C-alpha atoms as a PDB file:
ATOM      1  CA  UNK A   1      -2.752  21.704 -21.922  1.00  0.00           C
ATOM      2  CA  UNK A   2       0.361  20.381 -20.243  1.00  0.00           C
ATOM      3  CA  UNK A   3       1.804  21.745 -17.010  1.00  0.00           C
ATOM      4  CA  UNK A   4       5.373  20.870 -17.948  1.00  0.00           C
ATOM      5  CA  UNK A   5       6.870  22.106 -21.219  1.00  0.00           C
ATOM      6  CA  UNK A   6       9.086  19.855 -23.366  1.00  0.00           C
ATOM      7  CA  UNK A   7      12.189  21.520 -21.867  1.00  0.00           C
ATOM      8  CA  UNK A   8      11.094  20.449 -18.368  1.00  0.00           C
ATOM      9  CA  UNK A   9       9.989  23.866 -17.136  1.00  0.00           C
ATOM     10  CA  UNK A  10       6.504  24.532 -15.781  1.00  0.00           C
ATOM     11  CA  UNK A  11       4.030  26.152 -18.160  1.00  0.00           C
ATOM     12  CA  UNK A  12       1.889  29.103 -17.072  1.00  0.00           C
ATOM     13  CA  UNK A  13      -0.731  26.822 -15.513  1.00  0.00           C
ATOM     14  CA  UNK A  14       1.990  24.697 -13.892  1.00  0.00           C
ATOM     15  CA  UNK A  15       3.559  27.827 -12.396  1.00  0.00           C
ATOM     16  CA  UNK A  16       0.181  28.932 -11.026  1.00  0.00           C
ATOM     17  CA  UNK A  17      -0.216  25.587  -9.283  1.00  0.00           C
ATOM     18  CA  UNK A  18       3.315  25.690  -7.876  1.00  0.00           C
ATOM     19  CA  UNK A  19       2.754  29.212  -6.548  1.00  0.00           C
ATOM     20  CA  UNK A  20      -0.445  28.006  -4.859  1.00  0.00           C
ATOM     21  CA  UNK A  21       1.625  25.305  -3.131  1.00  0.00           C
ATOM     22  CA  UNK A  22       4.187  27.734  -1.695  1.00  0.00           C
ATOM     23  CA  UNK A  23       2.133  28.208   1.480  1.00  0.00           C
ATOM     24  CA  UNK A  24       2.167  24.479   2.307  1.00  0.00           C
ATOM     25  CA  UNK A  25      -0.022  21.405   1.962  1.00  0.00           C
ATOM     26  CA  UNK A  26      -3.156  21.960  -0.072  1.00  0.00           C
ATOM     27  CA  UNK A  27      -5.951  19.889  -1.542  1.00  0.00           C
ATOM     28  CA  UNK A  28      -6.614  19.947  -5.286  1.00  0.00           C
ATOM     29  CA  UNK A  29      -9.745  22.008  -4.584  1.00  0.00           C
ATOM     30  CA  UNK A  30      -7.744  24.641  -2.679  1.00  0.00           C
ATOM     31  CA  UNK A  31      -5.150  24.772  -5.456  1.00  0.00           C
ATOM     32  CA  UNK A  32      -7.913  25.150  -8.041  1.00  0.00           C
ATOM     33  CA  UNK A  33      -9.404  28.099  -6.148  1.00  0.00           C
ATOM     34  CA  UNK A  34      -6.061  29.834  -5.578  1.00  0.00           C
ATOM     35  CA  UNK A  35      -4.700  29.255  -9.076  1.00  0.00           C
ATOM     36  CA  UNK A  36      -7.969  30.124 -10.813  1.00  0.00           C
ATOM     37  CA  UNK A  37      -7.871  26.878 -12.789  1.00  0.00           C
ATOM     38  CA  UNK A  38     -10.577  24.248 -13.294  1.00  0.00           C
ATOM     39  CA  UNK A  39     -10.352  21.306 -10.913  1.00  0.00           C
ATOM     40  CA  UNK A  40      -9.925  18.746 -13.728  1.00  0.00           C
ATOM     41  CA  UNK A  41      -6.891  20.704 -14.997  1.00  0.00           C
ATOM     42  CA  UNK A  42      -5.418  20.880 -11.491  1.00  0.00           C
ATOM     43  CA  UNK A  43      -5.835  17.135 -10.925  1.00  0.00           C
ATOM     44  CA  UNK A  44      -4.061  16.226 -14.181  1.00  0.00           C
ATOM     45  CA  UNK A  45      -1.457  18.960 -13.628  1.00  0.00           C
ATOM     46  CA  UNK A  46      -0.651  17.691 -10.155  1.00  0.00           C
ATOM     47  CA  UNK A  47       0.084  14.251 -11.611  1.00  0.00           C
ATOM     48  CA  UNK A  48       2.515  15.855 -14.075  1.00  0.00           C
ATOM     49  CA  UNK A  49       4.139  18.068 -11.446  1.00  0.00           C
ATOM     50  CA  UNK A  50       4.532  15.107  -9.076  1.00  0.00           C
ATOM     51  CA  UNK A  51       6.030  12.888 -11.795  1.00  0.00           C
ATOM     52  CA  UNK A  52       8.481  15.703 -12.652  1.00  0.00           C
ATOM     53  CA  UNK A  53       9.506  15.967  -8.990  1.00  0.00           C
ATOM     54  CA  UNK A  54       8.208  19.547  -8.618  1.00  0.00           C
ATOM     55  CA  UNK A  55       5.449  18.654  -6.150  1.00  0.00           C
ATOM     56  CA  UNK A  56       4.895  15.797  -3.746  1.00  0.00           C
ATOM     57  CA  UNK A  57       1.755  14.113  -2.500  1.00  0.00           C
ATOM     58  CA  UNK A  58       0.987  13.579   1.176  1.00  0.00           C
ATOM     59  CA  UNK A  59      -2.231  11.600   1.444  1.00  0.00           C
ATOM     60  CA  UNK A  60      -4.847  13.578  -0.470  1.00  0.00           C
ATOM     61  CA  UNK A  61      -2.891  16.862  -0.289  1.00  0.00           C
ATOM     62  CA  UNK A  62       0.088  18.236  -2.182  1.00  0.00           C
ATOM     63  CA  UNK A  63       3.101  20.364  -1.361  1.00  0.00           C
ATOM     64  CA  UNK A  64       5.906  22.072  -3.214  1.00  0.00           C
ATOM     65  CA  UNK A  65       9.030  19.904  -3.403  1.00  0.00           C
ATOM     66  CA  UNK A  66      12.514  21.383  -2.914  1.00  0.00           C
ATOM     67  CA  UNK A  67      13.074  21.020  -6.668  1.00  0.00           C
ATOM     68  CA  UNK A  68       9.754  22.779  -7.332  1.00  0.00           C
ATOM     69  CA  UNK A  69      10.838  25.626  -5.066  1.00  0.00           C
ATOM     70  CA  UNK A  70      14.088  25.987  -6.977  1.00  0.00           C
ATOM     71  CA  UNK A  71      12.317  25.983 -10.350  1.00  0.00           C
ATOM     72  CA  UNK A  72       9.725  28.466  -9.132  1.00  0.00           C
ATOM     73  CA  UNK A  73      12.420  30.748  -7.711  1.00  0.00           C
ATOM     74  CA  UNK A  74      14.370  30.630 -10.972  1.00  0.00           C
ATOM     75  CA  UNK A  75      11.293  31.441 -13.074  1.00  0.00           C
ATOM     76  CA  UNK A  76      10.355  34.486 -10.992  1.00  0.00           C
ATOM     77  CA  UNK A  77      13.720  36.225 -11.375  1.00  0.00           C
END
């Protein structure tokens, strides 16, 4: 299950991960717990979200990118 749809928007699981990142830097384990998704799905999803520019990696933690914030804001309206 992909985290980015063919049109470039986050899927339901991608949106859950982005929402988990709104509070700041988080580890994949923290994102998994907050998003209610299995860790293996979060790890692969974070790669997709990072490649799409919606999240960024800082060491072993991740944060919402400005572009991810814009996309998340647009999808919640």
